[in-house]
Amino acid sequence: MANAFDSNATAGSSFRRIQRFMADFDLPMKLIFSFIFSILPEKGNLVLVLDRTNWKFGSSNINILMLGIYYKNIAIPIMFRILDKRGNSDTTERIELIRQFITWFGRDCINCLLADREFVGHHWLEFLNKNNIRYYIRLRKNFKVFCFDRNQEKPVF
């Protein structure tokens, strides 16, 4: 790009101008997410993937809650939240991320949601059920279910 500038400045000077512009430019996340969504080859029947990653960079904790779209055996990141803490996300953070997706892209494009075993909880699953979002969540080894017909709790595994 620097070489294509219509300017008498050297390419190096133009490159530094681009760097300064990019450092000071705040690109709205909605614009980025909408662009990613617009270039997806399929916009319906989407399998959403929810995951979280947490690591340390020097003394800073990096904790990201990520929503992706499953496509041809990969998850394409579509939206994320930086969590200002260590450890798991809470129900409110997850619900806000899914609500934002629905606001921007609609509920009808969602086939289902895949998530790992950390993404459980009564209010979270209630939210998914109320919004008719099918979900597949890996269960913990110690997970139990309540059998109504027998009126008892049983281990899944």
N, C-alpha and C. Protein backbone atom coordinates (compact mmCIF):
# COMPACT_ATOMS: atom_id res chain seq x y z
N MET A 1 0.82 -1.19 0.00
CA MET A 1 0.00 0.00 0.00
C MET A 1 0.86 1.26 0.00
N ALA A 2 1.93 1.21 0.77
CA ALA A 2 2.78 2.40 0.88
C ALA A 2 3.36 2.78 -0.48
N ASN A 3 3.67 1.79 -1.31
CA ASN A 3 4.22 2.06 -2.63
C ASN A 3 3.18 2.67 -3.57
N ALA A 4 1.91 2.47 -3.28
CA ALA A 4 0.85 2.96 -4.16
C ALA A 4 0.35 4.35 -3.78
N PHE A 5 0.86 4.93 -2.69
CA PHE A 5 0.44 6.27 -2.28
C PHE A 5 0.79 7.28 -3.36
N ASP A 6 -0.13 8.20 -3.63
CA ASP A 6 0.12 9.29 -4.57
C ASP A 6 0.76 10.43 -3.77
N SER A 7 2.08 10.31 -3.58
CA SER A 7 2.79 11.25 -2.72
C SER A 7 4.24 11.34 -3.16
N ASN A 8 4.89 12.44 -2.82
CA ASN A 8 6.31 12.59 -3.10
C ASN A 8 7.16 11.95 -2.01
N ALA A 9 6.52 11.49 -0.94
CA ALA A 9 7.25 10.87 0.18
C ALA A 9 7.78 9.50 -0.23
N THR A 10 8.81 9.06 0.46
CA THR A 10 9.36 7.72 0.19
C THR A 10 8.37 6.66 0.67
N ALA A 11 8.56 5.45 0.18
CA ALA A 11 7.69 4.33 0.60
C ALA A 11 7.80 4.11 2.10
N GLY A 12 9.00 4.29 2.66
CA GLY A 12 9.20 4.14 4.10
C GLY A 12 8.38 5.14 4.90
N SER A 13 8.36 6.39 4.43
CA SER A 13 7.57 7.43 5.11
C SER A 13 6.07 7.13 5.01
N SER A 14 5.66 6.69 3.83
CA SER A 14 4.25 6.34 3.64
C SER A 14 3.87 5.16 4.53
N PHE A 15 4.77 4.19 4.66
CA PHE A 15 4.52 3.03 5.51
C PHE A 15 4.35 3.47 6.97
N ARG A 16 5.19 4.40 7.43
CA ARG A 16 5.06 4.90 8.80
C ARG A 16 3.74 5.66 8.99
N ARG A 17 3.29 6.36 7.96
CA ARG A 17 1.98 7.03 8.02
C ARG A 17 0.87 6.01 8.20
N ILE A 18 0.96 4.92 7.47
CA ILE A 18 -0.05 3.85 7.59
C ILE A 18 -0.01 3.26 9.00
N GLN A 19 1.18 3.03 9.53
CA GLN A 19 1.31 2.49 10.89
C GLN A 19 0.68 3.42 11.92
N ARG A 20 0.93 4.72 11.81
CA ARG A 20 0.35 5.69 12.76
C ARG A 20 -1.17 5.69 12.66
N PHE A 21 -1.67 5.65 11.43
CA PHE A 21 -3.12 5.63 11.21
C PHE A 21 -3.74 4.40 11.86
N MET A 22 -3.14 3.23 11.63
CA MET A 22 -3.68 1.99 12.17
C MET A 22 -3.61 1.97 13.70
N ALA A 23 -2.57 2.54 14.27
CA ALA A 23 -2.43 2.56 15.73
C ALA A 23 -3.50 3.43 16.37
N ASP A 24 -3.91 4.51 15.70
CA ASP A 24 -4.90 5.44 16.26
C ASP A 24 -6.33 5.15 15.82
N PHE A 25 -6.50 4.24 14.87
CA PHE A 25 -7.82 3.98 14.30
C PHE A 25 -8.53 2.90 15.11
N ASP A 26 -9.77 3.19 15.51
CA ASP A 26 -10.56 2.23 16.27
C ASP A 26 -11.65 1.68 15.36
N LEU A 27 -11.45 0.47 14.88
CA LEU A 27 -12.40 -0.17 13.98
C LEU A 27 -13.51 -0.80 14.81
N PRO A 28 -14.77 -0.41 14.60
CA PRO A 28 -15.87 -0.97 15.39
C PRO A 28 -15.97 -2.49 15.21
N MET A 29 -16.12 -3.19 16.34
CA MET A 29 -16.18 -4.64 16.29
C MET A 29 -17.37 -5.12 15.46
N LYS A 30 -18.49 -4.41 15.52
CA LYS A 30 -19.65 -4.84 14.73
C LYS A 30 -19.30 -4.87 13.25
N LEU A 31 -18.51 -3.92 12.79
CA LEU A 31 -18.10 -3.88 11.40
C LEU A 31 -17.25 -5.10 11.05
N ILE A 32 -16.33 -5.45 11.94
CA ILE A 32 -15.47 -6.62 11.70
C ILE A 32 -16.31 -7.89 11.68
N PHE A 33 -17.18 -8.06 12.70
CA PHE A 33 -18.00 -9.26 12.78
C PHE A 33 -18.95 -9.37 11.59
N SER A 34 -19.53 -8.24 11.18
CA SER A 34 -20.44 -8.24 10.03
C SER A 34 -19.70 -8.59 8.74
N PHE A 35 -18.47 -8.12 8.61
CA PHE A 35 -17.67 -8.45 7.43
C PHE A 35 -17.38 -9.95 7.38
N ILE A 36 -16.96 -10.51 8.52
CA ILE A 36 -16.69 -11.96 8.57
C ILE A 36 -17.95 -12.73 8.20
N PHE A 37 -19.09 -12.33 8.77
CA PHE A 37 -20.35 -13.02 8.50
C PHE A 37 -20.71 -12.90 7.02
N SER A 38 -20.47 -11.73 6.43
CA SER A 38 -20.85 -11.51 5.03
C SER A 38 -20.06 -12.36 4.05
N ILE A 39 -18.83 -12.75 4.41
CA ILE A 39 -18.04 -13.56 3.48
C ILE A 39 -18.20 -15.06 3.71
N LEU A 40 -19.01 -15.44 4.70
CA LEU A 40 -19.27 -16.87 4.90
C LEU A 40 -20.03 -17.41 3.69
N PRO A 41 -19.65 -18.59 3.20
CA PRO A 41 -20.34 -19.15 2.05
C PRO A 41 -21.78 -19.56 2.37
N GLU A 42 -22.06 -19.89 3.63
CA GLU A 42 -23.41 -20.28 4.04
C GLU A 42 -23.81 -19.41 5.23
N LYS A 43 -25.03 -18.89 5.18
CA LYS A 43 -25.48 -18.00 6.26
C LYS A 43 -26.68 -18.55 7.01
N GLY A 44 -27.03 -19.78 6.75
CA GLY A 44 -28.14 -20.41 7.44
C GLY A 44 -27.73 -21.76 7.97
N ASN A 45 -28.54 -22.29 8.89
CA ASN A 45 -28.27 -23.61 9.44
C ASN A 45 -26.88 -23.69 10.08
N LEU A 46 -26.50 -22.62 10.77
CA LEU A 46 -25.14 -22.51 11.32
C LEU A 46 -24.97 -23.29 12.61
N VAL A 47 -23.83 -23.93 12.73
CA VAL A 47 -23.44 -24.59 13.97
C VAL A 47 -22.48 -23.63 14.68
N LEU A 48 -22.94 -23.07 15.80
CA LEU A 48 -22.11 -22.15 16.57
C LEU A 48 -21.26 -22.95 17.55
N VAL A 49 -20.05 -22.48 17.79
CA VAL A 49 -19.12 -23.14 18.71
C VAL A 49 -18.70 -22.11 19.75
N LEU A 50 -18.92 -22.45 21.02
CA LEU A 50 -18.56 -21.56 22.12
C LEU A 50 -17.36 -22.14 22.85
N ASP A 51 -16.34 -21.33 23.05
CA ASP A 51 -15.15 -21.80 23.77
C ASP A 51 -14.51 -20.61 24.48
N ARG A 52 -13.59 -20.93 25.36
CA ARG A 52 -12.88 -19.90 26.12
C ARG A 52 -11.43 -20.31 26.23
N THR A 53 -10.57 -19.32 26.20
CA THR A 53 -9.15 -19.58 26.38
C THR A 53 -8.60 -18.59 27.40
N ASN A 54 -7.65 -19.04 28.18
CA ASN A 54 -7.08 -18.22 29.25
C ASN A 54 -5.59 -18.51 29.34
N TRP A 55 -4.78 -17.47 29.28
CA TRP A 55 -3.34 -17.64 29.45
C TRP A 55 -2.76 -16.37 30.03
N LYS A 56 -1.51 -16.43 30.39
CA LYS A 56 -0.82 -15.29 30.97
C LYS A 56 0.20 -14.76 29.97
N PHE A 57 0.25 -13.44 29.83
CA PHE A 57 1.24 -12.78 29.00
C PHE A 57 1.96 -11.80 29.91
N GLY A 58 3.14 -12.21 30.38
CA GLY A 58 3.83 -11.42 31.40
C GLY A 58 3.01 -11.47 32.67
N SER A 59 2.64 -10.31 33.18
CA SER A 59 1.81 -10.28 34.39
C SER A 59 0.32 -10.11 34.05
N SER A 60 -0.01 -10.04 32.76
CA SER A 60 -1.40 -9.85 32.35
C SER A 60 -2.09 -11.18 32.08
N ASN A 61 -3.33 -11.28 32.55
CA ASN A 61 -4.16 -12.43 32.24
C ASN A 61 -4.94 -12.14 30.96
N ILE A 62 -4.88 -13.05 30.03
CA ILE A 62 -5.65 -12.94 28.79
C ILE A 62 -6.74 -14.00 28.88
N ASN A 63 -7.99 -13.58 28.81
CA ASN A 63 -9.12 -14.49 28.96
C ASN A 63 -10.16 -14.10 27.92
N ILE A 64 -10.39 -14.96 26.95
CA ILE A 64 -11.27 -14.63 25.82
C ILE A 64 -12.39 -15.66 25.72
N LEU A 65 -13.62 -15.17 25.68
CA LEU A 65 -14.80 -16.00 25.41
C LEU A 65 -15.09 -15.83 23.93
N MET A 66 -15.04 -16.93 23.18
CA MET A 66 -15.10 -16.87 21.72
C MET A 66 -16.32 -17.62 21.19
N LEU A 67 -16.99 -17.00 20.22
CA LEU A 67 -18.08 -17.66 19.51
C LEU A 67 -17.64 -17.81 18.06
N GLY A 68 -17.66 -19.05 17.59
CA GLY A 68 -17.26 -19.32 16.22
C GLY A 68 -18.37 -20.00 15.45
N ILE A 69 -18.16 -20.11 14.15
CA ILE A 69 -19.09 -20.83 13.28
C ILE A 69 -18.34 -22.01 12.70
N TYR A 70 -18.89 -23.19 12.90
CA TYR A 70 -18.28 -24.42 12.40
C TYR A 70 -18.49 -24.49 10.90
N TYR A 71 -17.38 -24.67 10.16
CA TYR A 71 -17.45 -24.77 8.70
C TYR A 71 -16.29 -25.63 8.22
N LYS A 72 -16.60 -26.71 7.56
CA LYS A 72 -15.60 -27.63 6.99
C LYS A 72 -14.52 -28.01 8.01
N ASN A 73 -14.95 -28.49 9.15
CA ASN A 73 -14.08 -29.01 10.21
C ASN A 73 -13.22 -27.96 10.93
N ILE A 74 -13.57 -26.69 10.78
CA ILE A 74 -12.88 -25.66 11.56
C ILE A 74 -13.93 -24.72 12.15
N ALA A 75 -13.55 -24.00 13.19
CA ALA A 75 -14.42 -22.98 13.76
C ALA A 75 -13.88 -21.62 13.34
N ILE A 76 -14.68 -20.87 12.63
CA ILE A 76 -14.30 -19.54 12.19
C ILE A 76 -14.76 -18.55 13.27
N PRO A 77 -13.82 -17.86 13.91
CA PRO A 77 -14.22 -16.91 14.96
C PRO A 77 -15.11 -15.81 14.38
N ILE A 78 -16.24 -15.58 15.03
CA ILE A 78 -17.17 -14.56 14.54
C ILE A 78 -17.36 -13.44 15.55
N MET A 79 -17.32 -13.78 16.85
CA MET A 79 -17.49 -12.78 17.90
C MET A 79 -16.69 -13.22 19.12
N PHE A 80 -16.30 -12.24 19.94
CA PHE A 80 -15.60 -12.60 21.17
C PHE A 80 -15.81 -11.53 22.22
N ARG A 81 -15.52 -11.90 23.44
CA ARG A 81 -15.52 -10.98 24.57
C ARG A 81 -14.22 -11.18 25.33
N ILE A 82 -13.56 -10.10 25.66
CA ILE A 82 -12.40 -10.15 26.54
C ILE A 82 -12.95 -10.12 27.97
N LEU A 83 -12.62 -11.13 28.75
CA LEU A 83 -13.10 -11.19 30.13
C LEU A 83 -12.04 -10.57 31.04
N ASP A 84 -12.46 -9.68 31.88
CA ASP A 84 -11.54 -8.95 32.75
C ASP A 84 -11.34 -9.71 34.06
N LYS A 85 -10.97 -10.98 33.93
CA LYS A 85 -10.77 -11.84 35.09
C LYS A 85 -10.11 -13.13 34.63
N ARG A 86 -9.71 -13.94 35.59
CA ARG A 86 -9.21 -15.28 35.29
C ARG A 86 -10.36 -16.25 35.43
N GLY A 87 -10.22 -17.42 34.83
CA GLY A 87 -11.19 -18.48 35.05
C GLY A 87 -12.38 -18.45 34.11
N ASN A 88 -13.36 -19.28 34.46
CA ASN A 88 -14.53 -19.49 33.61
C ASN A 88 -15.36 -18.23 33.40
N SER A 89 -16.11 -18.26 32.31
CA SER A 89 -17.09 -17.21 32.07
C SER A 89 -18.30 -17.48 32.96
N ASP A 90 -19.12 -16.45 33.16
CA ASP A 90 -20.36 -16.70 33.90
C ASP A 90 -21.54 -16.67 32.93
N THR A 91 -22.69 -17.06 33.43
CA THR A 91 -23.89 -17.15 32.59
C THR A 91 -24.20 -15.83 31.90
N THR A 92 -24.10 -14.73 32.61
CA THR A 92 -24.41 -13.42 32.03
C THR A 92 -23.51 -13.11 30.84
N GLU A 93 -22.23 -13.41 30.94
CA GLU A 93 -21.30 -13.14 29.84
C GLU A 93 -21.65 -13.98 28.61
N ARG A 94 -22.01 -15.23 28.83
CA ARG A 94 -22.38 -16.11 27.72
C ARG A 94 -23.67 -15.64 27.06
N ILE A 95 -24.66 -15.33 27.89
CA ILE A 95 -25.95 -14.88 27.36
C ILE A 95 -25.78 -13.59 26.57
N GLU A 96 -24.99 -12.65 27.07
CA GLU A 96 -24.76 -11.39 26.34
C GLU A 96 -24.14 -11.64 24.97
N LEU A 97 -23.20 -12.58 24.90
CA LEU A 97 -22.55 -12.88 23.62
C LEU A 97 -23.55 -13.48 22.63
N ILE A 98 -24.36 -14.43 23.08
CA ILE A 98 -25.35 -15.05 22.19
C ILE A 98 -26.43 -14.03 21.80
N ARG A 99 -26.87 -13.21 22.75
CA ARG A 99 -27.87 -12.18 22.43
C ARG A 99 -27.33 -11.20 21.39
N GLN A 100 -26.06 -10.84 21.51
CA GLN A 100 -25.46 -9.93 20.53
C GLN A 100 -25.45 -10.57 19.15
N PHE A 101 -25.10 -11.86 19.09
CA PHE A 101 -25.12 -12.58 17.81
C PHE A 101 -26.52 -12.53 17.22
N ILE A 102 -27.52 -12.84 18.04
CA ILE A 102 -28.91 -12.86 17.56
C ILE A 102 -29.34 -11.46 17.09
N THR A 103 -28.95 -10.43 17.82
CA THR A 103 -29.30 -9.06 17.43
C THR A 103 -28.71 -8.71 16.07
N TRP A 104 -27.47 -9.07 15.83
CA TRP A 104 -26.80 -8.70 14.59
C TRP A 104 -27.13 -9.62 13.42
N PHE A 105 -27.28 -10.91 13.67
CA PHE A 105 -27.40 -11.87 12.57
C PHE A 105 -28.71 -12.65 12.56
N GLY A 106 -29.48 -12.58 13.62
CA GLY A 106 -30.78 -13.25 13.67
C GLY A 106 -30.72 -14.62 14.31
N ARG A 107 -31.83 -15.03 14.88
CA ARG A 107 -31.94 -16.33 15.53
C ARG A 107 -32.12 -17.45 14.50
N ASP A 108 -32.79 -17.13 13.39
CA ASP A 108 -33.15 -18.16 12.41
C ASP A 108 -31.97 -18.80 11.70
N CYS A 109 -30.81 -18.16 11.73
CA CYS A 109 -29.65 -18.74 11.05
C CYS A 109 -28.95 -19.80 11.90
N ILE A 110 -29.35 -19.95 13.18
CA ILE A 110 -28.68 -20.88 14.10
C ILE A 110 -29.31 -22.26 14.02
N ASN A 111 -28.48 -23.26 13.72
CA ASN A 111 -28.92 -24.65 13.80
C ASN A 111 -28.78 -25.13 15.24
N CYS A 112 -27.56 -24.99 15.79
CA CYS A 112 -27.31 -25.45 17.16
C CYS A 112 -26.04 -24.80 17.69
N LEU A 113 -25.77 -25.08 18.96
CA LEU A 113 -24.58 -24.57 19.64
C LEU A 113 -23.81 -25.74 20.21
N LEU A 114 -22.50 -25.77 19.97
CA LEU A 114 -21.61 -26.76 20.57
C LEU A 114 -20.79 -26.07 21.64
N ALA A 115 -20.61 -26.74 22.78
CA ALA A 115 -19.84 -26.13 23.86
C ALA A 115 -19.20 -27.21 24.72
N ASP A 116 -18.18 -26.82 25.44
CA ASP A 116 -17.47 -27.74 26.32
C ASP A 116 -18.15 -27.80 27.67
N ARG A 117 -17.67 -28.66 28.53
CA ARG A 117 -18.32 -28.95 29.81
C ARG A 117 -18.33 -27.79 30.79
N GLU A 118 -17.53 -26.77 30.57
CA GLU A 118 -17.56 -25.62 31.49
C GLU A 118 -18.80 -24.76 31.27
N PHE A 119 -19.48 -24.92 30.14
CA PHE A 119 -20.61 -24.07 29.79
C PHE A 119 -21.93 -24.72 30.18
N VAL A 120 -22.13 -24.86 31.47
CA VAL A 120 -23.37 -25.44 32.00
C VAL A 120 -23.93 -24.49 33.06
N GLY A 121 -25.08 -24.82 33.55
CA GLY A 121 -25.72 -24.01 34.58
C GLY A 121 -27.19 -23.84 34.25
N HIS A 122 -28.00 -23.80 35.28
CA HIS A 122 -29.45 -23.75 35.12
C HIS A 122 -29.90 -22.57 34.27
N HIS A 123 -29.47 -21.35 34.60
CA HIS A 123 -29.93 -20.15 33.89
C HIS A 123 -29.42 -20.12 32.44
N TRP A 124 -28.23 -20.61 32.23
CA TRP A 124 -27.65 -20.67 30.88
C TRP A 124 -28.48 -21.61 30.00
N LEU A 125 -28.74 -22.82 30.49
CA LEU A 125 -29.51 -23.78 29.70
C LEU A 125 -30.96 -23.31 29.54
N GLU A 126 -31.49 -22.65 30.55
CA GLU A 126 -32.84 -22.09 30.47
C GLU A 126 -32.90 -21.04 29.36
N PHE A 127 -31.88 -20.19 29.27
CA PHE A 127 -31.82 -19.18 28.20
C PHE A 127 -31.81 -19.85 26.83
N LEU A 128 -30.98 -20.87 26.66
CA LEU A 128 -30.92 -21.56 25.37
C LEU A 128 -32.26 -22.20 25.04
N ASN A 129 -32.89 -22.83 26.02
CA ASN A 129 -34.20 -23.46 25.80
C ASN A 129 -35.27 -22.43 25.44
N LYS A 130 -35.32 -21.31 26.16
CA LYS A 130 -36.32 -20.27 25.88
C LYS A 130 -36.16 -19.68 24.49
N ASN A 131 -34.92 -19.66 24.00
CA ASN A 131 -34.65 -19.10 22.67
C ASN A 131 -34.63 -20.17 21.58
N ASN A 132 -35.06 -21.37 21.94
CA ASN A 132 -35.12 -22.49 20.99
C ASN A 132 -33.79 -22.72 20.28
N ILE A 133 -32.72 -22.65 21.05
CA ILE A 133 -31.39 -22.93 20.50
C ILE A 133 -31.00 -24.34 20.95
N ARG A 134 -30.94 -25.25 19.99
CA ARG A 134 -30.48 -26.60 20.32
C ARG A 134 -29.03 -26.52 20.73
N TYR A 135 -28.62 -27.38 21.65
CA TYR A 135 -27.24 -27.35 22.12
C TYR A 135 -26.74 -28.76 22.38
N TYR A 136 -25.44 -28.89 22.20
CA TYR A 136 -24.72 -30.13 22.48
C TYR A 136 -23.54 -29.74 23.35
N ILE A 137 -23.61 -30.12 24.62
CA ILE A 137 -22.58 -29.73 25.58
C ILE A 137 -21.95 -30.99 26.15
N ARG A 138 -20.64 -31.07 26.06
CA ARG A 138 -19.92 -32.20 26.62
C ARG A 138 -20.15 -32.21 28.13
N LEU A 139 -20.40 -33.39 28.67
CA LEU A 139 -20.71 -33.50 30.09
C LEU A 139 -19.48 -33.87 30.90
N ARG A 140 -19.46 -33.39 32.14
CA ARG A 140 -18.40 -33.78 33.07
C ARG A 140 -18.58 -35.24 33.44
N LYS A 141 -17.50 -35.86 33.84
CA LYS A 141 -17.54 -37.27 34.23
C LYS A 141 -18.44 -37.50 35.44
N ASN A 142 -18.53 -36.52 36.33
CA ASN A 142 -19.33 -36.67 37.54
C ASN A 142 -20.75 -36.11 37.39
N PHE A 143 -21.17 -35.83 36.16
CA PHE A 143 -22.48 -35.24 35.90
C PHE A 143 -23.60 -36.22 36.23
N LYS A 144 -24.67 -35.71 36.83
CA LYS A 144 -25.82 -36.55 37.17
C LYS A 144 -27.08 -35.98 36.53
N VAL A 145 -28.03 -36.87 36.24
CA VAL A 145 -29.32 -36.47 35.70
C VAL A 145 -30.41 -36.94 36.65
N PHE A 146 -31.52 -36.22 36.62
CA PHE A 146 -32.66 -36.62 37.45
C PHE A 146 -33.63 -37.38 36.58
N CYS A 147 -33.94 -38.62 36.97
CA CYS A 147 -34.90 -39.46 36.25
C CYS A 147 -36.27 -39.27 36.91
N PHE A 148 -37.16 -38.56 36.22
CA PHE A 148 -38.46 -38.26 36.79
C PHE A 148 -39.30 -39.51 37.02
N ASP A 149 -39.21 -40.46 36.09
CA ASP A 149 -40.04 -41.66 36.23
C ASP A 149 -39.65 -42.50 37.45
N ARG A 150 -38.40 -42.41 37.88
CA ARG A 150 -37.93 -43.16 39.05
C ARG A 150 -37.74 -42.26 40.28
N ASN A 151 -37.91 -40.96 40.07
CA ASN A 151 -37.75 -39.98 41.14
C ASN A 151 -36.40 -40.10 41.83
N GLN A 152 -35.35 -40.23 41.01
CA GLN A 152 -34.01 -40.32 41.58
C GLN A 152 -32.96 -39.75 40.64
N GLU A 153 -31.83 -39.39 41.23
CA GLU A 153 -30.69 -38.85 40.50
C GLU A 153 -29.75 -40.00 40.18
N LYS A 154 -29.22 -40.00 38.93
CA LYS A 154 -28.30 -41.06 38.52
C LYS A 154 -27.10 -40.45 37.81
N PRO A 155 -25.91 -41.07 37.98
CA PRO A 155 -24.74 -40.60 37.23
C PRO A 155 -24.91 -40.90 35.74
N VAL A 156 -24.41 -40.00 34.91
CA VAL A 156 -24.49 -40.19 33.46
C VAL A 156 -23.53 -41.29 33.01
N PHE A 157 -22.34 -41.31 33.60
CA PHE A 157 -21.33 -42.29 33.19
C PHE A 157 -21.19 -43.39 34.21
